[in-house]
Amino acid sequence: MASSKKLISREEWEKRLNNVKIRKEDMNKLVMNFLVTEGNVEAAKKFRMESGTHPDIDLATITDRMAVKKAAQCGNVKDAIEKINDLNPEILDTNPQLFFQLQQQRLIELIRNGKVEEALEFAQEELAPRAEENQSFLEELERTISLVAFEDTSNCPVGELLDISQRLKTASEVNAAVLTSQSNEKDPKLPSLLKMLIWAQNKLDKKAAYPCINDLSNAILEDPTF
């Protein structure tokens, strides 16, 4: 049975693509936005010199933000909280969810280091009062405290809390909050555009066979197949 899809040749498709005009300045802004949002300050400085593209924020603030993120990634939660407050005390004052998440991570680190008594005292004094007013906080606190009941956390049903991925999740939330406080988007524009490209190709796949990009890392057009 013949396909009902319209076949678009490579020549015709490339001709259509060449008719789409994208300014180099706009592409440079996308790259700078990515570097700034992801915290690649040295790369951003070099790209500014090479392209003449100026970021929307002072690059010095990236160093401060990355110091906060690194502290959270390394499990130095107390240090991360202090650095956040040095940057802007309102970040945690206006974001109880993030503050609880940081305190939860601090509790996890105490348990990870075998400081059970200190962990229980910290949970009672710092987390329990907040958990009493929020059901989701209470559930997270109970999950975290349950870690102390297991000598072998590899068989613990909530053992994932001790994974590095949990630290990275917290660090990502911190990074997003600091970006937002600086009136910047918490996510870079470039990945969103790539998602839009994939979405558009998936939609077009239903109607036509055309050269498409399957590997985003090299952006090579691949001939259509039926």
N, C-alpha and C. Protein backbone atom coordinates (compact mmCIF):
# COMPACT_ATOMS: atom_id res chain seq x y z
N MET A 1 0.85 -1.20 0.00
CA MET A 1 0.00 0.00 0.00
C MET A 1 0.88 1.24 0.00
N ALA A 2 0.65 2.15 -0.94
CA ALA A 2 1.47 3.34 -1.06
C ALA A 2 1.24 4.28 0.11
N SER A 3 2.30 4.94 0.48
CA SER A 3 2.20 5.88 1.58
C SER A 3 1.45 7.13 1.15
N SER A 4 0.63 7.67 2.05
CA SER A 4 -0.12 8.88 1.75
C SER A 4 0.66 10.14 2.11
N LYS A 5 1.88 9.93 2.63
CA LYS A 5 2.70 11.06 3.01
C LYS A 5 3.27 11.75 1.78
N LYS A 6 3.41 13.05 1.87
CA LYS A 6 4.05 13.82 0.81
C LYS A 6 5.57 13.65 0.93
N LEU A 7 6.23 13.38 -0.16
CA LEU A 7 7.68 13.23 -0.15
C LEU A 7 8.33 14.56 -0.50
N ILE A 8 9.21 15.04 0.38
CA ILE A 8 9.93 16.28 0.13
C ILE A 8 11.40 15.94 -0.03
N SER A 9 11.96 16.26 -1.19
CA SER A 9 13.35 15.91 -1.47
C SER A 9 14.30 16.77 -0.65
N ARG A 10 15.54 16.30 -0.55
CA ARG A 10 16.56 17.06 0.18
C ARG A 10 16.75 18.45 -0.45
N GLU A 11 16.80 18.48 -1.79
CA GLU A 11 17.01 19.75 -2.48
C GLU A 11 15.91 20.75 -2.15
N GLU A 12 14.66 20.28 -2.19
CA GLU A 12 13.54 21.17 -1.90
C GLU A 12 13.54 21.60 -0.44
N TRP A 13 13.87 20.65 0.46
CA TRP A 13 13.86 20.96 1.89
C TRP A 13 14.95 21.97 2.24
N GLU A 14 16.15 21.78 1.68
CA GLU A 14 17.24 22.70 1.96
C GLU A 14 16.94 24.09 1.39
N LYS A 15 16.24 24.11 0.25
CA LYS A 15 15.85 25.40 -0.32
C LYS A 15 14.91 26.13 0.63
N ARG A 16 13.99 25.38 1.22
CA ARG A 16 13.06 25.99 2.16
C ARG A 16 13.79 26.51 3.41
N LEU A 17 14.74 25.69 3.89
CA LEU A 17 15.49 26.10 5.08
C LEU A 17 16.32 27.34 4.80
N ASN A 18 16.89 27.41 3.61
CA ASN A 18 17.73 28.57 3.26
C ASN A 18 16.91 29.86 3.17
N ASN A 19 15.62 29.73 2.98
CA ASN A 19 14.76 30.91 2.91
C ASN A 19 14.40 31.45 4.29
N VAL A 20 14.73 30.67 5.32
CA VAL A 20 14.48 31.12 6.69
C VAL A 20 15.70 31.91 7.16
N LYS A 21 15.53 33.19 7.38
CA LYS A 21 16.64 34.05 7.75
C LYS A 21 16.73 34.18 9.28
N ILE A 22 17.88 33.82 9.82
CA ILE A 22 18.14 33.95 11.26
C ILE A 22 19.36 34.84 11.45
N ARG A 23 19.20 35.90 12.18
CA ARG A 23 20.31 36.83 12.38
C ARG A 23 21.39 36.21 13.28
N LYS A 24 22.63 36.45 12.94
CA LYS A 24 23.74 35.95 13.73
C LYS A 24 23.68 36.50 15.15
N GLU A 25 23.23 37.75 15.28
CA GLU A 25 23.14 38.37 16.60
C GLU A 25 22.17 37.61 17.50
N ASP A 26 21.08 37.12 16.91
CA ASP A 26 20.10 36.37 17.70
C ASP A 26 20.68 35.02 18.13
N MET A 27 21.43 34.38 17.25
CA MET A 27 22.07 33.12 17.60
C MET A 27 23.09 33.33 18.73
N ASN A 28 23.84 34.43 18.63
CA ASN A 28 24.82 34.72 19.67
C ASN A 28 24.15 34.97 21.02
N LYS A 29 23.00 35.61 21.00
CA LYS A 29 22.27 35.87 22.25
C LYS A 29 21.80 34.56 22.87
N LEU A 30 21.39 33.61 22.03
CA LEU A 30 20.98 32.30 22.53
C LEU A 30 22.14 31.58 23.22
N VAL A 31 23.31 31.65 22.59
CA VAL A 31 24.49 31.02 23.17
C VAL A 31 24.86 31.68 24.49
N MET A 32 24.85 33.01 24.51
CA MET A 32 25.19 33.72 25.75
C MET A 32 24.17 33.42 26.84
N ASN A 33 22.91 33.37 26.48
CA ASN A 33 21.87 33.03 27.46
C ASN A 33 22.12 31.66 28.06
N PHE A 34 22.53 30.71 27.24
CA PHE A 34 22.82 29.35 27.73
C PHE A 34 24.00 29.36 28.68
N LEU A 35 25.08 30.05 28.30
CA LEU A 35 26.29 30.09 29.12
C LEU A 35 26.02 30.75 30.47
N VAL A 36 25.27 31.83 30.44
CA VAL A 36 24.97 32.57 31.67
C VAL A 36 24.08 31.75 32.59
N THR A 37 23.02 31.17 32.04
CA THR A 37 22.08 30.41 32.85
C THR A 37 22.73 29.17 33.45
N GLU A 38 23.59 28.52 32.68
CA GLU A 38 24.26 27.32 33.17
C GLU A 38 25.46 27.64 34.05
N GLY A 39 25.84 28.92 34.13
CA GLY A 39 26.91 29.31 35.04
C GLY A 39 28.31 29.15 34.50
N ASN A 40 28.47 29.09 33.18
CA ASN A 40 29.80 28.95 32.58
C ASN A 40 30.43 30.33 32.40
N VAL A 41 30.89 30.90 33.51
CA VAL A 41 31.32 32.30 33.50
C VAL A 41 32.55 32.52 32.62
N GLU A 42 33.53 31.63 32.67
CA GLU A 42 34.73 31.81 31.85
C GLU A 42 34.40 31.72 30.37
N ALA A 43 33.55 30.76 30.02
CA ALA A 43 33.13 30.62 28.62
C ALA A 43 32.34 31.85 28.19
N ALA A 44 31.52 32.39 29.10
CA ALA A 44 30.72 33.58 28.78
C ALA A 44 31.63 34.78 28.54
N LYS A 45 32.67 34.92 29.35
CA LYS A 45 33.61 36.03 29.17
C LYS A 45 34.32 35.92 27.81
N LYS A 46 34.77 34.71 27.49
CA LYS A 46 35.47 34.49 26.22
C LYS A 46 34.53 34.73 25.04
N PHE A 47 33.30 34.26 25.16
CA PHE A 47 32.34 34.43 24.07
C PHE A 47 31.99 35.90 23.90
N ARG A 48 31.93 36.66 25.00
CA ARG A 48 31.67 38.10 24.91
C ARG A 48 32.77 38.81 24.14
N MET A 49 34.02 38.41 24.40
CA MET A 49 35.16 39.01 23.71
C MET A 49 35.16 38.66 22.22
N GLU A 50 34.83 37.39 21.91
CA GLU A 50 34.92 36.93 20.53
C GLU A 50 33.75 37.39 19.67
N SER A 51 32.56 37.46 20.28
CA SER A 51 31.36 37.77 19.48
C SER A 51 30.84 39.19 19.68
N GLY A 52 31.30 39.84 20.75
CA GLY A 52 30.79 41.17 21.05
C GLY A 52 29.40 41.15 21.65
N THR A 53 28.95 39.96 22.06
CA THR A 53 27.62 39.80 22.66
C THR A 53 27.71 40.05 24.16
N HIS A 54 26.90 40.98 24.65
CA HIS A 54 26.93 41.32 26.06
C HIS A 54 25.79 40.62 26.81
N PRO A 55 26.09 40.01 27.94
CA PRO A 55 25.05 39.34 28.73
C PRO A 55 24.12 40.35 29.37
N ASP A 56 22.95 39.88 29.79
CA ASP A 56 21.96 40.77 30.41
C ASP A 56 22.27 41.05 31.88
N ILE A 57 23.23 40.31 32.45
CA ILE A 57 23.56 40.49 33.86
C ILE A 57 25.07 40.66 34.01
N ASP A 58 25.45 41.14 35.18
CA ASP A 58 26.86 41.25 35.51
C ASP A 58 27.42 39.84 35.69
N LEU A 59 28.45 39.50 34.95
CA LEU A 59 29.01 38.15 35.01
C LEU A 59 29.55 37.82 36.40
N ALA A 60 29.87 38.84 37.20
CA ALA A 60 30.36 38.59 38.56
C ALA A 60 29.31 37.88 39.41
N THR A 61 28.03 38.12 39.10
CA THR A 61 26.96 37.48 39.88
C THR A 61 26.90 35.98 39.60
N ILE A 62 27.41 35.56 38.43
CA ILE A 62 27.42 34.13 38.11
C ILE A 62 28.33 33.39 39.07
N THR A 63 29.50 33.99 39.37
CA THR A 63 30.45 33.36 40.29
C THR A 63 29.81 33.14 41.65
N ASP A 64 29.07 34.13 42.13
CA ASP A 64 28.40 34.00 43.43
C ASP A 64 27.34 32.90 43.38
N ARG A 65 26.59 32.86 42.27
CA ARG A 65 25.53 31.85 42.14
C ARG A 65 26.12 30.45 42.07
N MET A 66 27.22 30.31 41.34
CA MET A 66 27.85 29.01 41.22
C MET A 66 28.46 28.54 42.53
N ALA A 67 28.90 29.49 43.37
CA ALA A 67 29.44 29.13 44.69
C ALA A 67 28.33 28.52 45.55
N VAL A 68 27.14 29.08 45.44
CA VAL A 68 25.98 28.53 46.17
C VAL A 68 25.65 27.14 45.66
N LYS A 69 25.59 27.00 44.35
CA LYS A 69 25.24 25.72 43.74
C LYS A 69 26.26 24.65 44.08
N LYS A 70 27.55 25.01 44.04
CA LYS A 70 28.61 24.05 44.35
C LYS A 70 28.52 23.58 45.79
N ALA A 71 28.23 24.51 46.70
CA ALA A 71 28.10 24.13 48.12
C ALA A 71 26.98 23.12 48.30
N ALA A 72 25.85 23.34 47.62
CA ALA A 72 24.73 22.40 47.71
C ALA A 72 25.09 21.05 47.09
N GLN A 73 25.79 21.08 45.96
CA GLN A 73 26.18 19.83 45.30
C GLN A 73 27.13 19.01 46.16
N CYS A 74 27.95 19.68 46.95
CA CYS A 74 28.93 18.98 47.81
C CYS A 74 28.34 18.58 49.15
N GLY A 75 27.09 18.93 49.40
CA GLY A 75 26.46 18.59 50.67
C GLY A 75 26.74 19.57 51.78
N ASN A 76 27.37 20.70 51.46
CA ASN A 76 27.64 21.73 52.47
C ASN A 76 26.43 22.67 52.55
N VAL A 77 25.34 22.15 53.09
CA VAL A 77 24.07 22.86 53.04
C VAL A 77 24.09 24.13 53.89
N LYS A 78 24.69 24.05 55.06
CA LYS A 78 24.76 25.22 55.93
C LYS A 78 25.47 26.36 55.22
N ASP A 79 26.57 26.02 54.55
CA ASP A 79 27.32 27.02 53.80
C ASP A 79 26.49 27.57 52.64
N ALA A 80 25.74 26.69 51.99
CA ALA A 80 24.89 27.13 50.87
C ALA A 80 23.83 28.13 51.36
N ILE A 81 23.22 27.84 52.50
CA ILE A 81 22.20 28.74 53.05
C ILE A 81 22.81 30.09 53.39
N GLU A 82 23.98 30.08 53.98
CA GLU A 82 24.65 31.34 54.32
C GLU A 82 24.97 32.15 53.07
N LYS A 83 25.41 31.48 52.02
CA LYS A 83 25.75 32.18 50.78
C LYS A 83 24.49 32.74 50.11
N ILE A 84 23.39 31.99 50.18
CA ILE A 84 22.13 32.48 49.63
C ILE A 84 21.69 33.75 50.35
N ASN A 85 21.77 33.72 51.68
CA ASN A 85 21.36 34.88 52.47
C ASN A 85 22.27 36.07 52.23
N ASP A 86 23.54 35.81 51.94
CA ASP A 86 24.46 36.90 51.60
C ASP A 86 24.06 37.54 50.28
N LEU A 87 23.61 36.72 49.34
CA LEU A 87 23.19 37.23 48.04
C LEU A 87 21.88 38.00 48.16
N ASN A 88 20.91 37.36 48.80
CA ASN A 88 19.58 37.96 48.91
C ASN A 88 18.76 37.19 49.95
N PRO A 89 18.60 37.72 51.16
CA PRO A 89 17.86 37.02 52.22
C PRO A 89 16.41 36.71 51.85
N GLU A 90 15.85 37.48 50.92
CA GLU A 90 14.45 37.28 50.56
C GLU A 90 14.22 35.99 49.79
N ILE A 91 15.29 35.42 49.22
CA ILE A 91 15.13 34.20 48.43
C ILE A 91 14.52 33.10 49.28
N LEU A 92 15.07 32.87 50.46
CA LEU A 92 14.54 31.81 51.34
C LEU A 92 13.35 32.29 52.14
N ASP A 93 13.30 33.58 52.44
CA ASP A 93 12.16 34.12 53.19
C ASP A 93 10.85 33.96 52.42
N THR A 94 10.95 34.06 51.11
CA THR A 94 9.74 33.99 50.27
C THR A 94 9.55 32.63 49.61
N ASN A 95 10.42 31.67 49.93
CA ASN A 95 10.33 30.35 49.30
C ASN A 95 10.46 29.27 50.37
N PRO A 96 9.41 29.05 51.16
CA PRO A 96 9.48 28.04 52.23
C PRO A 96 9.75 26.63 51.72
N GLN A 97 9.30 26.34 50.50
CA GLN A 97 9.54 25.01 49.92
C GLN A 97 11.04 24.78 49.73
N LEU A 98 11.73 25.76 49.20
CA LEU A 98 13.16 25.63 48.98
C LEU A 98 13.92 25.56 50.30
N PHE A 99 13.51 26.38 51.26
CA PHE A 99 14.20 26.37 52.56
C PHE A 99 14.04 25.01 53.24
N PHE A 100 12.83 24.45 53.16
CA PHE A 100 12.62 23.13 53.75
C PHE A 100 13.44 22.08 53.02
N GLN A 101 13.52 22.18 51.70
CA GLN A 101 14.30 21.22 50.91
C GLN A 101 15.78 21.28 51.30
N LEU A 102 16.28 22.49 51.54
CA LEU A 102 17.67 22.63 51.97
C LEU A 102 17.88 22.04 53.36
N GLN A 103 16.94 22.29 54.25
CA GLN A 103 17.05 21.74 55.60
C GLN A 103 16.92 20.22 55.59
N GLN A 104 16.08 19.73 54.71
CA GLN A 104 15.96 18.28 54.54
C GLN A 104 17.28 17.69 54.06
N GLN A 105 17.92 18.38 53.12
CA GLN A 105 19.22 17.91 52.62
C GLN A 105 20.27 17.94 53.72
N ARG A 106 20.18 18.94 54.57
CA ARG A 106 21.12 19.02 55.70
C ARG A 106 20.90 17.84 56.65
N LEU A 107 19.65 17.47 56.86
CA LEU A 107 19.34 16.31 57.69
C LEU A 107 19.88 15.03 57.05
N ILE A 108 19.74 14.92 55.75
CA ILE A 108 20.26 13.75 55.02
C ILE A 108 21.77 13.64 55.20
N GLU A 109 22.45 14.77 55.12
CA GLU A 109 23.92 14.75 55.26
C GLU A 109 24.33 14.32 56.66
N LEU A 110 23.59 14.72 57.68
CA LEU A 110 23.89 14.29 59.05
C LEU A 110 23.73 12.78 59.18
N ILE A 111 22.67 12.25 58.59
CA ILE A 111 22.43 10.81 58.63
C ILE A 111 23.51 10.08 57.83
N ARG A 112 23.88 10.63 56.69
CA ARG A 112 24.91 10.02 55.85
C ARG A 112 26.23 9.88 56.63
N ASN A 113 26.52 10.87 57.46
CA ASN A 113 27.77 10.89 58.22
C ASN A 113 27.67 10.19 59.56
N GLY A 114 26.55 9.49 59.78
CA GLY A 114 26.40 8.69 61.00
C GLY A 114 26.12 9.49 62.26
N LYS A 115 25.75 10.76 62.12
CA LYS A 115 25.45 11.61 63.27
C LYS A 115 23.96 11.52 63.61
N VAL A 116 23.58 10.35 64.09
CA VAL A 116 22.16 10.06 64.28
C VAL A 116 21.54 10.95 65.34
N GLU A 117 22.17 11.07 66.50
CA GLU A 117 21.60 11.89 67.57
C GLU A 117 21.47 13.35 67.13
N GLU A 118 22.51 13.85 66.49
CA GLU A 118 22.46 15.23 66.00
C GLU A 118 21.37 15.39 64.95
N ALA A 119 21.20 14.36 64.11
CA ALA A 119 20.17 14.40 63.07
C ALA A 119 18.78 14.45 63.67
N LEU A 120 18.54 13.63 64.69
CA LEU A 120 17.23 13.60 65.33
C LEU A 120 16.93 14.92 66.03
N GLU A 121 17.94 15.48 66.67
CA GLU A 121 17.77 16.77 67.34
C GLU A 121 17.49 17.88 66.33
N PHE A 122 18.23 17.84 65.22
CA PHE A 122 18.03 18.84 64.17
C PHE A 122 16.63 18.72 63.57
N ALA A 123 16.18 17.50 63.34
CA ALA A 123 14.85 17.28 62.78
C ALA A 123 13.77 17.82 63.70
N GLN A 124 13.94 17.58 64.99
CA GLN A 124 12.94 18.02 65.96
C GLN A 124 12.89 19.53 66.09
N GLU A 125 14.06 20.16 66.07
CA GLU A 125 14.11 21.59 66.31
C GLU A 125 13.86 22.43 65.04
N GLU A 126 14.36 21.97 63.92
CA GLU A 126 14.31 22.79 62.71
C GLU A 126 13.23 22.38 61.70
N LEU A 127 12.99 21.09 61.60
CA LEU A 127 12.07 20.62 60.56
C LEU A 127 10.66 20.33 61.07
N ALA A 128 10.57 19.75 62.25
CA ALA A 128 9.26 19.37 62.78
C ALA A 128 8.29 20.54 62.87
N PRO A 129 8.71 21.72 63.36
CA PRO A 129 7.75 22.84 63.43
C PRO A 129 7.18 23.22 62.08
N ARG A 130 7.98 23.16 61.04
CA ARG A 130 7.50 23.48 59.70
C ARG A 130 6.61 22.37 59.14
N ALA A 131 6.97 21.13 59.48
CA ALA A 131 6.21 19.98 58.99
C ALA A 131 4.81 19.93 59.58
N GLU A 132 4.67 20.44 60.80
CA GLU A 132 3.35 20.44 61.45
C GLU A 132 2.34 21.29 60.70
N GLU A 133 2.84 22.24 59.92
CA GLU A 133 1.95 23.16 59.21
C GLU A 133 1.79 22.81 57.73
N ASN A 134 2.50 21.76 57.29
CA ASN A 134 2.45 21.42 55.87
C ASN A 134 2.53 19.90 55.71
N GLN A 135 1.50 19.31 55.15
CA GLN A 135 1.42 17.86 55.04
C GLN A 135 2.54 17.29 54.17
N SER A 136 2.87 17.96 53.08
CA SER A 136 3.93 17.45 52.20
C SER A 136 5.28 17.51 52.90
N PHE A 137 5.50 18.55 53.72
CA PHE A 137 6.74 18.64 54.49
C PHE A 137 6.81 17.48 55.49
N LEU A 138 5.67 17.20 56.11
CA LEU A 138 5.62 16.12 57.10
C LEU A 138 5.96 14.78 56.47
N GLU A 139 5.42 14.53 55.29
CA GLU A 139 5.69 13.27 54.59
C GLU A 139 7.17 13.15 54.24
N GLU A 140 7.78 14.25 53.79
CA GLU A 140 9.20 14.24 53.45
C GLU A 140 10.07 14.04 54.69
N LEU A 141 9.66 14.66 55.78
CA LEU A 141 10.41 14.50 57.03
C LEU A 141 10.36 13.06 57.51
N GLU A 142 9.18 12.44 57.44
CA GLU A 142 9.03 11.05 57.87
C GLU A 142 9.86 10.12 56.98
N ARG A 143 9.88 10.38 55.68
CA ARG A 143 10.70 9.58 54.76
C ARG A 143 12.18 9.67 55.12
N THR A 144 12.61 10.89 55.39
CA THR A 144 14.02 11.11 55.67
C THR A 144 14.44 10.48 56.99
N ILE A 145 13.61 10.66 58.02
CA ILE A 145 13.93 10.11 59.34
C ILE A 145 13.97 8.58 59.31
N SER A 146 13.20 7.99 58.42
CA SER A 146 13.17 6.52 58.34
C SER A 146 14.52 5.94 57.94
N LEU A 147 15.41 6.78 57.42
CA LEU A 147 16.75 6.31 57.04
C LEU A 147 17.53 5.78 58.24
N VAL A 148 17.29 6.34 59.42
CA VAL A 148 18.07 5.95 60.60
C VAL A 148 17.71 4.55 61.07
N ALA A 149 16.61 4.02 60.58
CA ALA A 149 16.17 2.69 61.03
C ALA A 149 16.88 1.57 60.28
N PHE A 150 17.68 1.92 59.28
CA PHE A 150 18.32 0.89 58.46
C PHE A 150 19.84 0.98 58.57
N GLU A 151 20.45 -0.11 58.97
CA GLU A 151 21.91 -0.16 59.00
C GLU A 151 22.46 -0.27 57.57
N ASP A 152 21.77 -1.02 56.73
CA ASP A 152 22.16 -1.17 55.33
C ASP A 152 21.21 -0.35 54.47
N THR A 153 21.62 0.87 54.17
CA THR A 153 20.73 1.77 53.42
C THR A 153 20.56 1.35 51.96
N SER A 154 21.39 0.40 51.48
CA SER A 154 21.24 -0.06 50.10
C SER A 154 19.94 -0.84 49.93
N ASN A 155 19.41 -1.37 51.04
CA ASN A 155 18.14 -2.10 50.99
C ASN A 155 16.99 -1.28 51.57
N CYS A 156 17.26 -0.01 51.81
CA CYS A 156 16.25 0.87 52.39
C CYS A 156 15.29 1.35 51.30
N PRO A 157 13.98 1.34 51.57
CA PRO A 157 13.01 1.76 50.55
C PRO A 157 13.11 3.24 50.18
N VAL A 158 13.77 4.03 51.02
CA VAL A 158 13.96 5.44 50.70
C VAL A 158 15.45 5.76 50.54
N GLY A 159 16.22 4.75 50.21
CA GLY A 159 17.66 4.90 50.07
C GLY A 159 18.07 5.89 49.00
N GLU A 160 17.16 6.21 48.07
CA GLU A 160 17.50 7.15 47.01
C GLU A 160 17.79 8.55 47.54
N LEU A 161 17.32 8.80 48.77
CA LEU A 161 17.59 10.10 49.38
C LEU A 161 19.09 10.32 49.61
N LEU A 162 19.82 9.23 49.72
CA LEU A 162 21.27 9.31 49.93
C LEU A 162 22.06 9.36 48.63
N ASP A 163 21.36 9.22 47.51
CA ASP A 163 22.03 9.28 46.21
C ASP A 163 22.52 10.70 45.93
N ILE A 164 23.57 10.79 45.15
CA ILE A 164 24.08 12.09 44.74
C ILE A 164 23.03 12.85 43.94
N SER A 165 22.16 12.11 43.27
CA SER A 165 21.11 12.76 42.48
C SER A 165 20.21 13.64 43.34
N GLN A 166 20.05 13.27 44.61
CA GLN A 166 19.24 14.08 45.52
C GLN A 166 19.93 15.42 45.78
N ARG A 167 21.24 15.38 45.96
CA ARG A 167 22.00 16.63 46.13
C ARG A 167 21.87 17.51 44.89
N LEU A 168 22.02 16.87 43.73
CA LEU A 168 21.98 17.62 42.48
C LEU A 168 20.61 18.25 42.25
N LYS A 169 19.57 17.54 42.66
CA LYS A 169 18.22 18.07 42.56
C LYS A 169 18.06 19.32 43.41
N THR A 170 18.57 19.25 44.65
CA THR A 170 18.51 20.39 45.54
C THR A 170 19.31 21.55 44.98
N ALA A 171 20.51 21.25 44.48
CA ALA A 171 21.37 22.30 43.91
C ALA A 171 20.71 22.96 42.72
N SER A 172 20.00 22.18 41.91
CA SER A 172 19.31 22.72 40.74
C SER A 172 18.19 23.67 41.16
N GLU A 173 17.46 23.29 42.22
CA GLU A 173 16.39 24.15 42.72
C GLU A 173 16.96 25.46 43.27
N VAL A 174 18.09 25.36 43.95
CA VAL A 174 18.75 26.56 44.48
C VAL A 174 19.17 27.48 43.34
N ASN A 175 19.79 26.90 42.32
CA ASN A 175 20.24 27.67 41.17
C ASN A 175 19.07 28.40 40.50
N ALA A 176 17.96 27.70 40.34
CA ALA A 176 16.78 28.29 39.71
C ALA A 176 16.23 29.44 40.55
N ALA A 177 16.23 29.27 41.88
CA ALA A 177 15.69 30.32 42.76
C ALA A 177 16.56 31.57 42.71
N VAL A 178 17.87 31.39 42.69
CA VAL A 178 18.77 32.54 42.63
C VAL A 178 18.61 33.27 41.30
N LEU A 179 18.51 32.52 40.22
CA LEU A 179 18.30 33.11 38.90
C LEU A 179 17.01 33.93 38.87
N THR A 180 15.96 33.36 39.41
CA THR A 180 14.67 34.06 39.43
C THR A 180 14.77 35.34 40.24
N SER A 181 15.49 35.30 41.36
CA SER A 181 15.64 36.49 42.21
C SER A 181 16.41 37.59 41.50
N GLN A 182 17.24 37.20 40.53
CA GLN A 182 18.02 38.16 39.76
C GLN A 182 17.28 38.59 38.49
N SER A 183 15.98 38.27 38.45
CA SER A 183 15.11 38.62 37.31
C SER A 183 15.58 37.96 36.02
N ASN A 184 16.10 36.76 36.15
CA ASN A 184 16.51 36.00 34.98
C ASN A 184 15.70 34.70 34.90
N GLU A 185 15.57 34.18 33.69
CA GLU A 185 14.87 32.92 33.51
C GLU A 185 15.65 31.80 34.19
N LYS A 186 14.95 30.87 34.79
CA LYS A 186 15.63 29.80 35.50
C LYS A 186 16.14 28.71 34.57
N ASP A 187 15.64 28.69 33.33
CA ASP A 187 16.08 27.70 32.34
C ASP A 187 16.58 28.41 31.09
N PRO A 188 17.65 27.91 30.47
CA PRO A 188 18.13 28.51 29.22
C PRO A 188 17.14 28.32 28.09
N LYS A 189 17.18 29.24 27.12
CA LYS A 189 16.23 29.19 26.00
C LYS A 189 16.57 28.09 25.01
N LEU A 190 17.86 27.78 24.84
CA LEU A 190 18.28 26.85 23.79
C LEU A 190 17.65 25.47 23.91
N PRO A 191 17.66 24.82 25.09
CA PRO A 191 17.02 23.51 25.20
C PRO A 191 15.52 23.55 24.87
N SER A 192 14.87 24.66 25.22
CA SER A 192 13.44 24.79 24.91
C SER A 192 13.21 24.84 23.40
N LEU A 193 14.11 25.52 22.70
CA LEU A 193 13.98 25.59 21.24
C LEU A 193 14.21 24.22 20.61
N LEU A 194 15.15 23.45 21.16
CA LEU A 194 15.39 22.10 20.64
C LEU A 194 14.17 21.20 20.88
N LYS A 195 13.52 21.38 22.03
CA LYS A 195 12.30 20.61 22.30
C LYS A 195 11.21 20.99 21.31
N MET A 196 11.14 22.28 20.97
CA MET A 196 10.15 22.73 19.99
C MET A 196 10.45 22.14 18.62
N LEU A 197 11.74 22.01 18.29
CA LEU A 197 12.13 21.39 17.01
C LEU A 197 11.65 19.94 16.96
N ILE A 198 11.90 19.20 18.03
CA ILE A 198 11.47 17.79 18.07
C ILE A 198 9.96 17.69 17.97
N TRP A 199 9.25 18.57 18.69
CA TRP A 199 7.78 18.56 18.65
C TRP A 199 7.28 18.84 17.22
N ALA A 200 7.89 19.83 16.57
CA ALA A 200 7.46 20.19 15.21
C ALA A 200 7.73 19.05 14.24
N GLN A 201 8.88 18.39 14.38
CA GLN A 201 9.19 17.26 13.50
C GLN A 201 8.22 16.11 13.71
N ASN A 202 7.87 15.85 14.97
CA ASN A 202 6.92 14.77 15.25
C ASN A 202 5.56 15.06 14.62
N LYS A 203 5.16 16.32 14.63
CA LYS A 203 3.89 16.70 14.01
C LYS A 203 3.96 16.54 12.49
N LEU A 204 5.08 16.99 11.91
CA LEU A 204 5.23 16.94 10.46
C LEU A 204 5.40 15.51 9.95
N ASP A 205 5.96 14.63 10.80
CA ASP A 205 6.16 13.23 10.42
C ASP A 205 4.85 12.56 9.99
N LYS A 206 3.75 13.03 10.51
CA LYS A 206 2.46 12.41 10.22
C LYS A 206 1.96 12.76 8.82
N LYS A 207 2.52 13.82 8.25
CA LYS A 207 2.01 14.30 6.97
C LYS A 207 3.01 14.22 5.82
N ALA A 208 4.30 14.16 6.17
CA ALA A 208 5.29 14.20 5.10
C ALA A 208 6.53 13.40 5.45
N ALA A 209 7.23 12.99 4.40
CA ALA A 209 8.55 12.36 4.55
C ALA A 209 9.56 13.38 4.05
N TYR A 210 10.48 13.77 4.89
CA TYR A 210 11.37 14.88 4.58
C TYR A 210 12.71 14.68 5.30
N PRO A 211 13.76 15.35 4.90
CA PRO A 211 15.04 15.25 5.61
C PRO A 211 14.89 15.87 7.00
N CYS A 212 15.17 15.09 8.03
CA CYS A 212 14.98 15.60 9.39
C CYS A 212 16.26 15.43 10.21
N ILE A 213 16.27 16.03 11.37
CA ILE A 213 17.41 15.95 12.28
C ILE A 213 17.06 14.97 13.40
N ASN A 214 17.73 13.83 13.40
CA ASN A 214 17.49 12.85 14.45
C ASN A 214 18.53 12.93 15.57
N ASP A 215 19.73 13.34 15.21
CA ASP A 215 20.81 13.48 16.18
C ASP A 215 21.06 14.97 16.40
N LEU A 216 20.56 15.51 17.54
CA LEU A 216 20.68 16.94 17.79
C LEU A 216 22.12 17.37 18.04
N SER A 217 22.99 16.43 18.39
CA SER A 217 24.37 16.79 18.71
C SER A 217 25.16 17.21 17.48
N ASN A 218 24.76 16.69 16.29
CA ASN A 218 25.49 17.09 15.07
C ASN A 218 24.60 17.85 14.08
N ALA A 219 23.29 17.80 14.28
CA ALA A 219 22.34 18.58 13.46
C ALA A 219 22.46 18.29 11.97
N ILE A 220 22.73 17.03 11.64
CA ILE A 220 22.83 16.63 10.23
C ILE A 220 21.48 16.17 9.72
N LEU A 221 21.09 16.70 8.59
CA LEU A 221 19.82 16.27 7.98
C LEU A 221 19.97 14.86 7.45
N GLU A 222 19.00 14.01 7.77
CA GLU A 222 18.99 12.63 7.30
C GLU A 222 17.87 12.45 6.29
N ASP A 223 18.16 11.74 5.22
CA ASP A 223 17.18 11.56 4.16
C ASP A 223 15.94 10.86 4.69
N PRO A 224 14.79 11.17 4.10
CA PRO A 224 13.53 10.57 4.57
C PRO A 224 13.45 9.08 4.28
N THR A 225 12.74 8.38 5.15
CA THR A 225 12.49 6.96 4.96
C THR A 225 11.00 6.70 5.14
N PHE A 226 10.53 5.65 4.52
CA PHE A 226 9.11 5.28 4.63
C PHE A 226 8.99 4.02 5.49
